[in-house]
Amino acid sequence: MTRTIVASATREIIIGFDQPFCVIGERINPTGRKKLAAEMIAGNFDTVIKDALEQVAAGATMLDVNAGVTSVNPNETEPGLLVQTMEIVQGLVDVPLSIDSSVTAAIEAALKVAKGRPLINSVTGEEEKLEAILPLCKKYDVPVVAISNDETGISEDPDVRFAVAKKIVERAADYGIKAHDIVVDPLVMPIGAMGTAGQQVFALLRRLREELKVNTTCGLSNISFGLPHRHGINAGFIPMVIGAGMTSAIMNPCRPQEMEAVRAANVLNGTDPNCTNWIKTYRDYKPAEGGHGAAAPATPAPAASGGRRGGRAARVGAGAPTE
């Protein structure tokens, strides 16, 4: 069974088909968040601290950390800022981190200060990116998100996206990197713009699981881009992609409707034995006004078991925050 191991200094998480769905919190990302970007540039990390603590309290298994505050001279600005952000977040929470950047120098700088075994987000099928990122994965013995696009861009043909994923897995093997350390992002398209986007990703996930035997992730909210009441679409999408074989996603864990879908899918998929996490989280559930329920704030548990111890999200990949 394919298992991707990530870890903080004190806690290990397994991403796998037989594991609870891995929720990677998306909020520490200034892409599209002008206020957060301005704060980080000014050396103010109050929102970063708030988002880190809130996401873990809401049930995030991991946290994605992005410091892409500007497209101007990112090679100069991003490495130091990403290191600073990583160190702050590592001092606050015990969950593993995903290092999210399109700047190779920033990724390596963050790897040097990362505790445990982080996830690199990300590498594409572009030759330049493969030659830059895969040696870092081997050097630091860390897993990587593989995004299914290359020099030709993002194909609307799912067979092409599968071929790119296969190419990345094969190239990683040339560096001695096992398939279980490749977490493929099959690229979720907006359903409002492409009516077959859901069907495409479900079919792709089955192929990735059965043929390449790799774990998978995505920028979950891409599916609902441009639609009203996006969180309703996201919540419906979650159990369907989990059923098709997706094992993680970069998403907003602070949305109760979406986390309820994750926890319910874990129950129905057999990765929450005896419904233990569901009961622990919702035993004191009380309906709120308007028919929306809320779990007791003190009881949420992580979506995955634990024991020891990038690119910039402007792309259509894992994963820019929804707001």
Protein backbone atom coordinates (compact mmCIF):
# COMPACT_ATOMS: atom_id res chain seq x y z
CA MET A 1 0.00 0.00 0.00
CA THR A 2 1.35 3.42 -1.00
CA ARG A 3 2.23 5.57 2.00
CA THR A 4 3.75 9.04 1.92
CA ILE A 5 5.30 10.00 5.24
CA VAL A 6 5.52 13.64 6.31
CA ALA A 7 6.51 14.87 9.73
CA SER A 8 7.10 17.82 12.02
CA ALA A 9 9.70 17.71 14.78
CA THR A 10 7.31 15.74 17.00
CA ARG A 11 4.57 14.28 14.84
CA GLU A 12 4.39 11.94 11.87
CA ILE A 13 1.51 11.84 9.40
CA ILE A 14 0.89 9.18 6.77
CA ILE A 15 -0.86 10.05 3.52
CA GLY A 16 -2.31 6.89 2.01
CA PHE A 17 -5.31 5.08 0.60
CA ASP A 18 -5.88 3.32 3.93
CA GLN A 19 -5.48 6.52 5.97
CA PRO A 20 -7.87 9.33 6.90
CA PHE A 21 -8.00 12.07 4.29
CA CYS A 22 -5.12 14.52 4.75
CA VAL A 23 -6.34 18.12 5.05
CA ILE A 24 -3.60 20.60 4.13
CA GLY A 25 -4.60 24.03 5.39
CA GLU A 26 -4.39 26.65 2.64
CA ARG A 27 -4.63 29.92 4.57
CA ILE A 28 -0.96 30.89 5.03
CA ASN A 29 -0.74 32.17 1.50
CA PRO A 30 -0.71 35.87 0.51
CA THR A 31 -1.80 35.15 -3.06
CA GLY A 32 -4.97 37.16 -3.55
CA ARG A 33 -4.83 38.43 0.03
CA LYS A 34 -3.50 41.99 -0.21
CA LYS A 35 -3.78 42.65 3.51
CA LEU A 36 -1.78 39.54 4.40
CA ALA A 37 0.85 40.31 1.77
CA ALA A 38 1.26 43.86 3.09
CA GLU A 39 1.56 42.57 6.65
CA MET A 40 4.22 40.03 5.75
CA ILE A 41 6.23 42.58 3.77
CA ALA A 42 6.14 44.86 6.83
CA GLY A 43 7.29 42.04 9.12
CA ASN A 44 3.87 41.70 10.76
CA PHE A 45 2.94 38.02 11.21
CA ASP A 46 -0.20 38.45 13.32
CA THR A 47 -2.47 37.02 10.62
CA VAL A 48 -0.05 34.17 9.90
CA ILE A 49 -0.11 33.25 13.60
CA LYS A 50 -3.91 33.49 13.74
CA ASP A 51 -4.36 31.40 10.60
CA ALA A 52 -1.90 28.73 11.74
CA LEU A 53 -3.60 28.25 15.11
CA GLU A 54 -7.15 28.39 13.74
CA GLN A 55 -6.50 25.87 10.97
CA VAL A 56 -4.98 23.30 13.31
CA ALA A 57 -7.81 23.81 15.81
CA ALA A 58 -10.29 23.24 12.98
CA GLY A 59 -8.72 19.89 12.09
CA ALA A 60 -5.94 20.54 9.55
CA THR A 61 -3.55 17.62 9.26
CA MET A 62 -0.81 19.76 7.68
CA LEU A 63 -0.30 23.43 6.85
CA ASP A 64 0.78 24.85 3.51
CA VAL A 65 3.20 27.78 3.93
CA ASN A 66 3.62 30.30 1.11
CA ALA A 67 5.47 33.64 1.22
CA GLY A 68 4.98 34.81 -2.37
CA VAL A 69 4.14 38.39 -1.52
CA THR A 70 5.25 39.91 -4.81
CA SER A 71 6.03 38.99 -8.40
CA VAL A 72 8.80 41.61 -8.41
CA ASN A 73 12.22 40.09 -7.71
CA PRO A 74 10.84 37.02 -5.89
CA ASN A 75 14.29 35.41 -5.99
CA GLU A 76 15.48 38.19 -3.72
CA THR A 77 12.45 38.67 -1.46
CA GLU A 78 10.99 35.21 -1.07
CA PRO A 79 13.75 33.00 0.41
CA GLY A 80 14.24 35.04 3.57
CA LEU A 81 10.54 35.69 4.09
CA LEU A 82 9.64 32.03 3.59
CA VAL A 83 12.28 30.97 6.13
CA GLN A 84 10.94 33.51 8.64
CA THR A 85 7.37 32.32 8.11
CA MET A 86 8.35 28.67 8.41
CA GLU A 87 10.16 29.26 11.68
CA ILE A 88 7.20 31.15 13.16
CA VAL A 89 4.69 28.47 12.16
CA GLN A 90 6.93 25.61 13.37
CA GLY A 91 7.11 27.34 16.75
CA LEU A 92 3.32 27.48 17.02
CA VAL A 93 1.97 24.13 15.85
CA ASP A 94 3.11 20.51 15.75
CA VAL A 95 1.67 19.50 12.37
CA PRO A 96 3.91 18.88 9.33
CA LEU A 97 4.32 21.67 6.79
CA SER A 98 4.12 21.95 3.03
CA ILE A 99 6.74 24.32 1.58
CA ASP A 100 4.88 26.19 -1.16
CA SER A 101 6.92 28.23 -3.65
CA SER A 102 7.77 28.51 -7.31
CA VAL A 103 11.20 29.90 -6.39
CA THR A 104 13.79 27.14 -6.12
CA ALA A 105 16.07 29.18 -3.86
CA ALA A 106 13.18 29.77 -1.46
CA ILE A 107 12.37 26.06 -1.33
CA GLU A 108 15.95 25.12 -0.51
CA ALA A 109 16.24 27.88 2.09
CA ALA A 110 13.07 26.59 3.76
CA LEU A 111 14.30 22.98 3.63
CA LYS A 112 17.40 24.01 5.55
CA VAL A 113 15.32 25.21 8.53
CA ALA A 114 12.43 22.75 8.25
CA LYS A 115 11.99 20.34 11.14
CA GLY A 116 10.96 16.77 10.43
CA ARG A 117 9.99 15.79 6.89
CA PRO A 118 8.05 18.51 5.04
CA LEU A 119 6.30 18.24 1.68
CA ILE A 120 7.58 20.34 -1.25
CA ASN A 121 4.85 22.09 -3.21
CA SER A 122 5.74 21.66 -6.06
CA VAL A 123 7.33 20.37 -9.26
CA THR A 124 5.83 20.32 -12.77
CA GLY A 125 6.70 18.33 -15.86
CA GLU A 126 8.79 21.19 -17.22
CA GLU A 127 12.41 20.14 -17.72
CA GLU A 128 13.77 23.17 -15.92
CA LYS A 129 11.62 22.48 -12.85
CA LEU A 130 12.41 18.76 -12.83
CA GLU A 131 16.14 19.45 -12.91
CA ALA A 132 15.86 22.03 -10.14
CA ILE A 133 13.45 20.38 -7.70
CA LEU A 134 14.03 16.63 -7.92
CA PRO A 135 17.67 16.87 -6.74
CA LEU A 136 16.41 18.79 -3.67
CA CYS A 137 13.89 16.03 -2.95
CA LYS A 138 16.68 13.47 -3.07
CA LYS A 139 19.16 15.58 -1.09
CA TYR A 140 16.75 16.32 1.76
CA ASP A 141 14.76 13.05 1.47
CA VAL A 142 11.37 14.76 1.23
CA PRO A 143 8.23 14.07 -0.80
CA VAL A 144 6.96 16.43 -3.48
CA VAL A 145 3.69 17.50 -5.10
CA ALA A 146 3.82 16.78 -8.86
CA ILE A 147 1.57 19.05 -10.88
CA SER A 148 0.35 17.60 -14.18
CA ASN A 149 1.39 20.35 -16.57
CA ASP A 150 4.53 20.96 -18.60
CA GLU A 151 6.01 23.39 -21.14
CA THR A 152 2.82 23.12 -23.23
CA GLY A 153 0.69 24.41 -20.36
CA ILE A 154 -2.34 22.78 -18.75
CA SER A 155 -4.08 20.38 -21.09
CA GLU A 156 -7.84 19.94 -21.07
CA ASP A 157 -7.24 16.33 -22.12
CA PRO A 158 -7.04 14.10 -19.00
CA ASP A 159 -4.92 11.57 -20.88
CA VAL A 160 -2.27 14.23 -21.45
CA ARG A 161 -2.33 15.21 -17.77
CA PHE A 162 -1.90 11.54 -16.83
CA ALA A 163 1.06 11.26 -19.22
CA VAL A 164 2.72 14.27 -17.58
CA ALA A 165 2.22 12.73 -14.13
CA LYS A 166 3.73 9.47 -15.36
CA LYS A 167 6.71 11.36 -16.78
CA ILE A 168 7.36 13.04 -13.43
CA VAL A 169 7.16 9.73 -11.56
CA GLU A 170 9.60 8.15 -14.03
CA ARG A 171 12.01 11.07 -13.87
CA ALA A 172 11.89 10.98 -10.07
CA ALA A 173 12.82 7.28 -10.21
CA ASP A 174 15.94 8.26 -12.17
CA TYR A 175 17.01 10.21 -9.06
CA GLY A 176 16.21 7.29 -6.78
CA ILE A 177 12.96 8.85 -5.54
CA LYS A 178 10.25 6.27 -4.96
CA ALA A 179 6.70 6.67 -6.26
CA HIS A 180 5.36 6.81 -2.70
CA ASP A 181 7.15 10.16 -2.30
CA ILE A 182 5.36 11.67 -5.31
CA VAL A 183 1.95 13.20 -4.54
CA VAL A 184 0.30 13.97 -7.87
CA ASP A 185 -1.96 16.95 -8.44
CA PRO A 186 -4.08 15.94 -11.47
CA LEU A 187 -5.26 19.57 -11.81
CA VAL A 188 -8.86 20.27 -10.95
CA MET A 189 -10.51 22.54 -13.51
CA PRO A 190 -13.40 24.92 -12.64
CA ILE A 191 -16.66 23.09 -13.17
CA GLY A 192 -18.35 26.36 -14.16
CA ALA A 193 -16.05 26.68 -17.16
CA MET A 194 -15.69 22.99 -18.03
CA GLY A 195 -18.75 20.85 -17.42
CA THR A 196 -16.75 17.61 -17.53
CA ALA A 197 -14.18 18.77 -14.95
CA GLY A 198 -15.59 16.55 -12.21
CA GLN A 199 -15.83 13.46 -14.39
CA GLN A 200 -12.29 14.06 -15.66
CA VAL A 201 -10.70 14.25 -12.25
CA PHE A 202 -12.59 11.20 -10.95
CA ALA A 203 -11.31 9.13 -13.88
CA LEU A 204 -7.79 10.53 -13.50
CA LEU A 205 -7.69 9.71 -9.80
CA ARG A 206 -8.62 6.08 -10.46
CA ARG A 207 -5.85 5.78 -13.05
CA LEU A 208 -3.29 7.44 -10.79
CA ARG A 209 -4.17 5.06 -7.98
CA GLU A 210 -4.36 1.87 -10.01
CA GLU A 211 -1.66 2.44 -12.64
CA LEU A 212 0.93 4.71 -10.99
CA LYS A 213 0.01 3.79 -7.40
CA VAL A 214 0.64 7.32 -6.16
CA ASN A 215 -1.04 9.52 -3.59
CA THR A 216 -2.83 12.61 -4.83
CA THR A 217 -3.76 16.14 -3.87
CA CYS A 218 -5.31 19.26 -5.39
CA GLY A 219 -6.27 22.85 -4.80
CA LEU A 220 -9.76 21.79 -3.80
CA SER A 221 -11.55 25.11 -4.28
CA ASN A 222 -10.54 25.30 -7.96
CA ILE A 223 -13.62 23.18 -8.72
CA SER A 224 -16.01 25.92 -7.60
CA PHE A 225 -14.19 28.94 -9.02
CA GLY A 226 -16.61 31.56 -10.39
CA LEU A 227 -19.74 30.00 -8.91
CA PRO A 228 -21.99 31.32 -6.13
CA HIS A 229 -22.01 29.48 -2.78
CA ARG A 230 -18.65 27.90 -3.54
CA HIS A 231 -18.44 26.01 -0.26
CA GLY A 232 -21.54 23.98 -1.14
CA ILE A 233 -19.86 22.77 -4.34
CA ASN A 234 -16.62 22.09 -2.46
CA ALA A 235 -18.44 20.07 0.20
CA GLY A 236 -20.14 17.95 -2.45
CA PHE A 237 -16.87 17.44 -4.31
CA ILE A 238 -14.92 16.20 -1.29
CA PRO A 239 -16.54 12.77 -0.75
CA MET A 240 -16.61 12.16 -4.50
CA VAL A 241 -12.87 12.72 -4.98
CA ILE A 242 -12.11 10.71 -1.84
CA GLY A 243 -14.23 7.88 -3.22
CA ALA A 244 -12.30 8.07 -6.49
CA GLY A 245 -8.98 7.78 -4.68
CA MET A 246 -7.75 11.24 -3.70
CA THR A 247 -5.79 11.10 -0.45
CA SER A 248 -5.18 14.78 0.40
CA ALA A 249 -6.18 18.31 -0.58
CA ILE A 250 -5.11 21.86 0.03
CA MET A 251 -8.27 23.46 1.38
CA ASN A 252 -9.75 25.71 4.05
CA PRO A 253 -10.32 23.63 7.20
CA CYS A 254 -12.07 26.56 8.88
CA ARG A 255 -15.19 25.92 6.76
CA PRO A 256 -17.33 23.56 8.90
CA GLN A 257 -19.39 22.33 5.94
CA GLU A 258 -16.26 21.15 4.13
CA MET A 259 -14.70 19.55 7.19
CA GLU A 260 -17.95 17.73 7.94
CA ALA A 261 -17.74 16.28 4.42
CA VAL A 262 -14.14 15.15 5.03
CA ARG A 263 -14.99 13.51 8.36
CA ALA A 264 -18.10 11.84 6.94
CA ALA A 265 -16.11 10.50 3.99
CA ASN A 266 -13.56 9.07 6.43
CA VAL A 267 -16.37 7.27 8.25
CA LEU A 268 -17.90 5.89 5.07
CA ASN A 269 -14.52 5.01 3.55
CA GLY A 270 -13.52 2.98 6.60
CA THR A 271 -10.64 5.22 7.67
CA ASP A 272 -12.35 6.39 10.85
CA PRO A 273 -12.64 3.02 12.66
CA ASN A 274 -15.70 2.72 14.90
CA CYS A 275 -16.57 6.32 13.90
CA THR A 276 -14.24 7.40 16.71
CA ASN A 277 -13.21 10.77 15.29
CA TRP A 278 -16.74 11.58 14.14
CA ILE A 279 -18.17 10.89 17.58
CA LYS A 280 -15.37 12.77 19.33
CA THR A 281 -15.93 15.80 17.13
CA TYR A 282 -19.73 15.88 16.95
CA ARG A 283 -21.01 14.29 20.16
CA ASP A 284 -21.96 17.77 21.42
CA TYR A 285 -23.16 19.02 18.04
CA LYS A 286 -25.93 21.61 18.33
CA PRO A 287 -27.95 23.03 15.46
CA ALA A 288 -27.47 26.76 15.11
CA GLU A 289 -30.04 29.29 13.94
CA GLY A 290 -30.93 28.93 10.29
CA GLY A 291 -30.41 25.17 10.38
CA HIS A 292 -26.61 25.20 10.32
CA GLY A 293 -24.94 23.08 12.94
CA ALA A 294 -21.72 23.57 14.81
CA ALA A 295 -19.40 21.10 16.46
CA ALA A 296 -18.12 21.77 19.93
CA PRO A 297 -14.97 23.88 19.48
CA ALA A 298 -12.87 21.93 21.96
CA THR A 299 -13.28 18.51 20.36
CA PRO A 300 -12.06 18.56 16.73
CA ALA A 301 -9.38 15.96 16.08
CA PRO A 302 -6.86 15.76 13.25
CA ALA A 303 -8.01 14.06 10.08
CA ALA A 304 -5.02 11.73 10.02
CA SER A 305 -3.21 9.57 12.50
CA GLY A 306 0.07 10.73 13.97
CA GLY A 307 2.80 9.48 16.20
CA ARG A 308 6.32 10.86 16.18
CA ARG A 309 8.38 12.82 15.44
CA GLY A 310 4.90 25.18 -4.87
CA GLY A 311 4.65 26.71 -6.65
CA ARG A 312 2.97 30.07 -6.16
CA ALA A 313 -0.78 29.55 -6.06
CA ALA A 314 -1.56 31.84 -8.94
CA ARG A 315 -1.34 28.65 -11.01
CA VAL A 316 -4.25 26.28 -11.31
CA GLY A 317 -2.82 23.78 -8.89
CA ALA A 318 -2.57 23.14 -5.21
CA GLY A 319 -3.56 25.62 -3.85
CA ALA A 320 -4.57 29.26 -3.40
CA PRO A 321 -6.86 30.18 -0.51
CA THR A 322 -10.47 30.78 -1.46
CA GLU A 323 -10.55 34.09 0.36
